[in-house]
C-alpha atoms as a PDB file:
ATOM      1  CA  MET A   1       0.000   0.000   0.000  1.00  0.00           C
ATOM      2  CA  LEU A   2       2.771   2.439   0.857  1.00  0.00           C
ATOM      3  CA  ARG A   3       4.568   1.607  -2.385  1.00  0.00           C
ATOM      4  CA  SER A   4       1.426   2.629  -4.239  1.00  0.00           C
ATOM      5  CA  ALA A   5       0.955   5.726  -2.084  1.00  0.00           C
ATOM      6  CA  VAL A   6       4.368   7.170  -2.933  1.00  0.00           C
ATOM      7  CA  ARG A   7       3.670   7.095  -6.686  1.00  0.00           C
ATOM      8  CA  VAL A   8       2.209  10.585  -6.711  1.00  0.00           C
ATOM      9  CA  PRO A   9       2.970  13.820  -8.548  1.00  0.00           C
ATOM     10  CA  ASP A  10       5.974  15.383  -6.839  1.00  0.00           C
ATOM     11  CA  HIS A  11       7.289  18.514  -8.550  1.00  0.00           C
ATOM     12  CA  GLY A  12      11.024  18.713  -7.994  1.00  0.00           C
ATOM     13  CA  LYS A  13      11.180  15.200  -6.485  1.00  0.00           C
ATOM     14  CA  ARG A  14      11.140  16.737  -2.991  1.00  0.00           C
ATOM     15  CA  VAL A  15       9.284  13.832  -1.327  1.00  0.00           C
ATOM     16  CA  PRO A  16       7.424  16.318   0.875  1.00  0.00           C
ATOM     17  CA  PHE A  17       5.801  13.652   3.005  1.00  0.00           C
ATOM     18  CA  ARG A  18       6.484  10.839   5.423  1.00  0.00           C
ATOM     19  CA  PHE A  19       4.456   8.280   7.366  1.00  0.00           C
ATOM     20  CA  VAL A  20       3.827   7.507  11.032  1.00  0.00           C
ATOM     21  CA  ARG A  21       2.287   4.100  11.821  1.00  0.00           C
ATOM     22  CA  ILE A  22      -0.092   3.783  14.779  1.00  0.00           C
ATOM     23  CA  GLU A  23      -1.177   0.239  15.597  1.00  0.00           C
ATOM     24  CA  GLY A  24      -1.750  -2.113  18.510  1.00  0.00           C
ATOM     25  CA  ASP A  25      -1.564  -0.627  21.990  1.00  0.00           C
ATOM     26  CA  ALA A  26      -0.239   2.637  20.565  1.00  0.00           C
ATOM     27  CA  ARG A  27      -3.774   3.434  19.353  1.00  0.00           C
ATOM     28  CA  ASP A  28      -5.152   3.347  22.897  1.00  0.00           C
ATOM     29  CA  ALA A  29      -2.147   5.210  24.292  1.00  0.00           C
ATOM     30  CA  LEU A  30      -2.683   7.985  21.764  1.00  0.00           C
ATOM     31  CA  GLY A  31      -6.359   8.076  22.700  1.00  0.00           C
ATOM     32  CA  GLU A  32      -5.416   8.678  26.335  1.00  0.00           C
ATOM     33  CA  ARG A  33      -3.057  11.460  25.269  1.00  0.00           C
ATOM     34  CA  LEU A  34      -5.935  13.041  23.347  1.00  0.00           C
ATOM     35  CA  VAL A  35      -8.133  12.875  26.440  1.00  0.00           C
ATOM     36  CA  ALA A  36      -5.434  14.641  28.458  1.00  0.00           C
ATOM     37  CA  ARG A  37      -5.075  17.281  25.753  1.00  0.00           C
ATOM     38  CA  THR A  38      -8.840  17.800  25.565  1.00  0.00           C
ATOM     39  CA  LEU A  39      -8.977  18.310  29.330  1.00  0.00           C
ATOM     40  CA  ALA A  40      -6.056  20.732  29.161  1.00  0.00           C
ATOM     41  CA  ARG A  41      -7.910  22.746  26.509  1.00  0.00           C
ATOM     42  CA  ASP A  42     -11.296  22.449  28.220  1.00  0.00           C
ATOM     43  CA  PRO A  43     -11.412  21.215  31.834  1.00  0.00           C
ATOM     44  CA  GLU A  44     -15.219  21.110  31.535  1.00  0.00           C
ATOM     45  CA  ALA A  45     -15.183  18.779  28.497  1.00  0.00           C
ATOM     46  CA  ALA A  46     -18.203  16.503  28.382  1.00  0.00           C
ATOM     47  CA  PRO A  47     -17.687  12.800  29.096  1.00  0.00           C
ATOM     48  CA  ALA A  48     -18.987  11.983  25.588  1.00  0.00           C
ATOM     49  CA  ALA A  49     -16.283  14.192  24.034  1.00  0.00           C
ATOM     50  CA  LEU A  50     -13.617  12.519  26.165  1.00  0.00           C
ATOM     51  CA  ASP A  51     -14.885   9.078  25.184  1.00  0.00           C
ATOM     52  CA  LYS A  52     -14.825  10.061  21.501  1.00  0.00           C
ATOM     53  CA  ASP A  53     -11.213  11.203  21.804  1.00  0.00           C
ATOM     54  CA  ARG A  54     -10.263   8.104  23.791  1.00  0.00           C
ATOM     55  CA  LYS A  55     -11.551   5.841  20.992  1.00  0.00           C
ATOM     56  CA  ARG A  56     -10.607   8.079  18.050  1.00  0.00           C
ATOM     57  CA  PHE A  57      -7.759   5.823  16.892  1.00  0.00           C
ATOM     58  CA  SER A  58      -9.070   2.453  18.074  1.00  0.00           C
ATOM     59  CA  HIS A  59     -11.760   1.778  15.456  1.00  0.00           C
ATOM     60  CA  ALA A  60      -9.310   0.395  12.894  1.00  0.00           C
ATOM     61  CA  PRO A  61      -6.320  -1.848  13.646  1.00  0.00           C
ATOM     62  CA  LEU A  62      -3.994   0.407  11.669  1.00  0.00           C
ATOM     63  CA  VAL A  63      -3.770   4.156  11.269  1.00  0.00           C
ATOM     64  CA  ILE A  64      -1.196   5.678   8.955  1.00  0.00           C
ATOM     65  CA  VAL A  65      -0.495   9.343   9.570  1.00  0.00           C
ATOM     66  CA  VAL A  66       0.508  11.082   6.361  1.00  0.00           C
ATOM     67  CA  VAL A  67       2.793  13.936   7.329  1.00  0.00           C
ATOM     68  CA  ALA A  68       3.345  16.858   4.962  1.00  0.00           C
ATOM     69  CA  VAL A  69       6.945  18.072   5.122  1.00  0.00           C
ATOM     70  CA  LEU A  70       6.861  21.781   4.305  1.00  0.00           C
ATOM     71  CA  ASP A  71      10.429  22.977   4.740  1.00  0.00           C
ATOM     72  CA  ALA A  72      10.321  26.781   4.627  1.00  0.00           C
ATOM     73  CA  ASP A  73      13.883  26.839   3.261  1.00  0.00           C
ATOM     74  CA  ASP A  74      12.726  25.018   0.120  1.00  0.00           C
ATOM     75  CA  THR A  75      11.648  27.959  -2.004  1.00  0.00           C
ATOM     76  CA  ALA A  76      12.159  26.284  -5.394  1.00  0.00           C
ATOM     77  CA  ILE A  77       8.823  24.454  -5.210  1.00  0.00           C
ATOM     78  CA  PRO A  78       5.840  26.370  -3.809  1.00  0.00           C
ATOM     79  CA  GLU A  79       4.615  25.118  -0.445  1.00  0.00           C
ATOM     80  CA  VAL A  80       1.114  24.598  -1.812  1.00  0.00           C
ATOM     81  CA  GLU A  81       2.469  22.117  -4.380  1.00  0.00           C
ATOM     82  CA  ARG A  82       4.246  20.171  -1.660  1.00  0.00           C
ATOM     83  CA  LEU A  83       1.067  20.138   0.436  1.00  0.00           C
ATOM     84  CA  LEU A  84      -0.942  18.942  -2.568  1.00  0.00           C
ATOM     85  CA  THR A  85       1.564  16.119  -3.029  1.00  0.00           C
ATOM     86  CA  ALA A  86       0.959  15.000   0.573  1.00  0.00           C
ATOM     87  CA  GLY A  87      -2.791  15.147  -0.094  1.00  0.00           C
ATOM     88  CA  CYS A  88      -2.295  12.963  -3.155  1.00  0.00           C
ATOM     89  CA  VAL A  89      -0.412  10.495  -0.930  1.00  0.00           C
ATOM     90  CA  CYS A  90      -3.464  10.329   1.356  1.00  0.00           C
ATOM     91  CA  PHE A  91      -5.785   9.623  -1.538  1.00  0.00           C
ATOM     92  CA  ALA A  92      -3.443   7.099  -3.160  1.00  0.00           C
ATOM     93  CA  LEU A  93      -3.065   5.243   0.156  1.00  0.00           C
ATOM     94  CA  LEU A  94      -6.826   5.255   0.645  1.00  0.00           C
ATOM     95  CA  GLN A  95      -7.413   3.836  -2.830  1.00  0.00           C
ATOM     96  CA  ALA A  96      -4.638   1.246  -2.462  1.00  0.00           C
ATOM     97  CA  ALA A  97      -6.121  -0.022   0.805  1.00  0.00           C
ATOM     98  CA  GLN A  98      -9.604  -0.208  -0.690  1.00  0.00           C
ATOM     99  CA  ALA A  99      -8.306  -1.932  -3.842  1.00  0.00           C
ATOM    100  CA  MET A 100      -6.734  -4.588  -1.607  1.00  0.00           C
ATOM    101  CA  GLY A 101     -10.115  -5.230   0.026  1.00  0.00           C
ATOM    102  CA  PHE A 102      -9.604  -3.260   3.209  1.00  0.00           C
ATOM    103  CA  GLY A 103     -11.958  -0.696   4.584  1.00  0.00           C
ATOM    104  CA  ALA A 104     -10.236   2.650   4.776  1.00  0.00           C
ATOM    105  CA  SER A 105     -11.096   6.238   5.545  1.00  0.00           C
ATOM    106  CA  TRP A 106      -9.192   9.504   5.428  1.00  0.00           C
ATOM    107  CA  LEU A 107      -9.869  11.642   8.483  1.00  0.00           C
ATOM    108  CA  THR A 108      -8.387  14.685  10.138  1.00  0.00           C
ATOM    109  CA  GLY A 109     -10.326  16.336  12.990  1.00  0.00           C
ATOM    110  CA  TRP A 110      -8.942  18.642  15.628  1.00  0.00           C
ATOM    111  CA  PRO A 111      -5.913  16.423  16.454  1.00  0.00           C
ATOM    112  CA  ALA A 112      -4.508  17.079  12.969  1.00  0.00           C
ATOM    113  CA  PHE A 113      -4.246  20.793  13.742  1.00  0.00           C
ATOM    114  CA  ASP A 114      -3.299  20.873  17.418  1.00  0.00           C
ATOM    115  CA  GLU A 115       0.348  21.786  18.087  1.00  0.00           C
ATOM    116  CA  ALA A 116       0.523  19.622  21.229  1.00  0.00           C
ATOM    117  CA  VAL A 117      -0.740  16.574  19.319  1.00  0.00           C
ATOM    118  CA  LEU A 118       1.731  17.229  16.513  1.00  0.00           C
ATOM    119  CA  ASP A 119       4.461  17.233  19.162  1.00  0.00           C
ATOM    120  CA  VAL A 120       3.195  13.962  20.694  1.00  0.00           C
ATOM    121  CA  LEU A 121       3.384  12.377  17.235  1.00  0.00           C
ATOM    122  CA  GLY A 122       6.943  13.615  16.766  1.00  0.00           C
ATOM    123  CA  LEU A 123       6.319  16.146  14.024  1.00  0.00           C
ATOM    124  CA  GLY A 124       8.846  18.873  13.435  1.00  0.00           C
ATOM    125  CA  ALA A 125       8.181  22.587  13.171  1.00  0.00           C
ATOM    126  CA  GLN A 126       7.903  22.387   9.367  1.00  0.00           C
ATOM    127  CA  GLU A 127       5.533  19.408   9.352  1.00  0.00           C
ATOM    128  CA  ARG A 128       1.750  19.166   9.281  1.00  0.00           C
ATOM    129  CA  ILE A 129      -0.714  16.295   9.217  1.00  0.00           C
ATOM    130  CA  ALA A 130      -2.269  15.805   5.801  1.00  0.00           C
ATOM    131  CA  GLY A 131      -4.460  12.988   7.048  1.00  0.00           C
ATOM    132  CA  PHE A 132      -5.027  10.014   9.296  1.00  0.00           C
ATOM    133  CA  ILE A 133      -5.719   6.986   7.092  1.00  0.00           C
ATOM    134  CA  HIS A 134      -7.637   4.387   9.119  1.00  0.00           C
ATOM    135  CA  ILE A 135      -7.290   0.893   7.626  1.00  0.00           C
ATOM    136  CA  GLY A 136      -9.036  -2.320   8.626  1.00  0.00           C
ATOM    137  CA  THR A 137     -11.799  -4.743   7.776  1.00  0.00           C
ATOM    138  CA  PRO A 138     -14.962  -3.055   6.556  1.00  0.00           C
ATOM    139  CA  ARG A 139     -17.890  -3.583   8.928  1.00  0.00           C
ATOM    140  CA  ILE A 140     -20.529  -2.263   6.564  1.00  0.00           C
ATOM    141  CA  GLU A 141     -20.769  -1.206   2.950  1.00  0.00           C
ATOM    142  CA  ALA A 142     -20.080   2.521   2.904  1.00  0.00           C
ATOM    143  CA  PRO A 143     -23.182   4.299   1.674  1.00  0.00           C
ATOM    144  CA  GLU A 144     -22.769   6.322  -1.472  1.00  0.00           C
ATOM    145  CA  ARG A 145     -23.358   9.999  -0.887  1.00  0.00           C
ATOM    146  CA  GLU A 146     -24.738  12.472  -3.341  1.00  0.00           C
ATOM    147  CA  ARG A 147     -22.060  13.898  -5.613  1.00  0.00           C
ATOM    148  CA  PRO A 148     -22.140  17.132  -7.591  1.00  0.00           C
ATOM    149  CA  ASP A 149     -22.939  17.062 -11.287  1.00  0.00           C
ATOM    150  CA  PRO A 150     -19.551  17.466 -13.010  1.00  0.00           C
ATOM    151  CA  ALA A 151     -21.162  19.315 -15.914  1.00  0.00           C
ATOM    152  CA  SER A 152     -22.309  22.045 -13.531  1.00  0.00           C
ATOM    153  CA  LEU A 153     -18.717  22.536 -12.384  1.00  0.00           C
ATOM    154  CA  LEU A 154     -17.174  22.766 -15.850  1.00  0.00           C
ATOM    155  CA  THR A 155     -16.583  25.969 -17.728  1.00  0.00           C
ATOM    156  CA  ASP A 156     -14.770  26.513 -20.986  1.00  0.00           C
ATOM    157  CA  TRP A 157     -12.044  29.092 -21.279  1.00  0.00           C
ATOM    158  CA  ARG A 158     -11.939  30.938 -24.549  1.00  0.00           C
ATOM    159  CA  ALA A 159      -9.389  33.462 -25.705  1.00  0.00           C
ATOM    160  CA  PRO A 160     -10.803  36.998 -25.553  1.00  0.00           C
END
């Protein structure tokens, strides 16, 4: 799956991404760290919110964190292109897992944007979470959601 995920557009061959694997007992340990962080942010947090954070990474046996590496010193390739590459990695990993018969979902949520959580996961100052890819055995068939009509999104450019 990771071999498939790294076959993405990467202007300048910067490899502006890396992976962090969370599996086994580490999923529960991270959940407890999230509970502590939630309480630090909001001592009055509801028990339901704490329970959600506690279980956030325990629904699938494997979570791959796709980390965007956005080195500010790399000015040759715009940061947005490097971030888009990391997003492509998320999508490619998601599709690879699903093609292999696994259930998979790409999530973020508040932990992806919290500096303390980034520190717990070992991210550097120039790194951000592009996504948490949860991978396991599908429990149910994912319902199809309504999608926009592509024709309504398409315009033609014409020279003036």
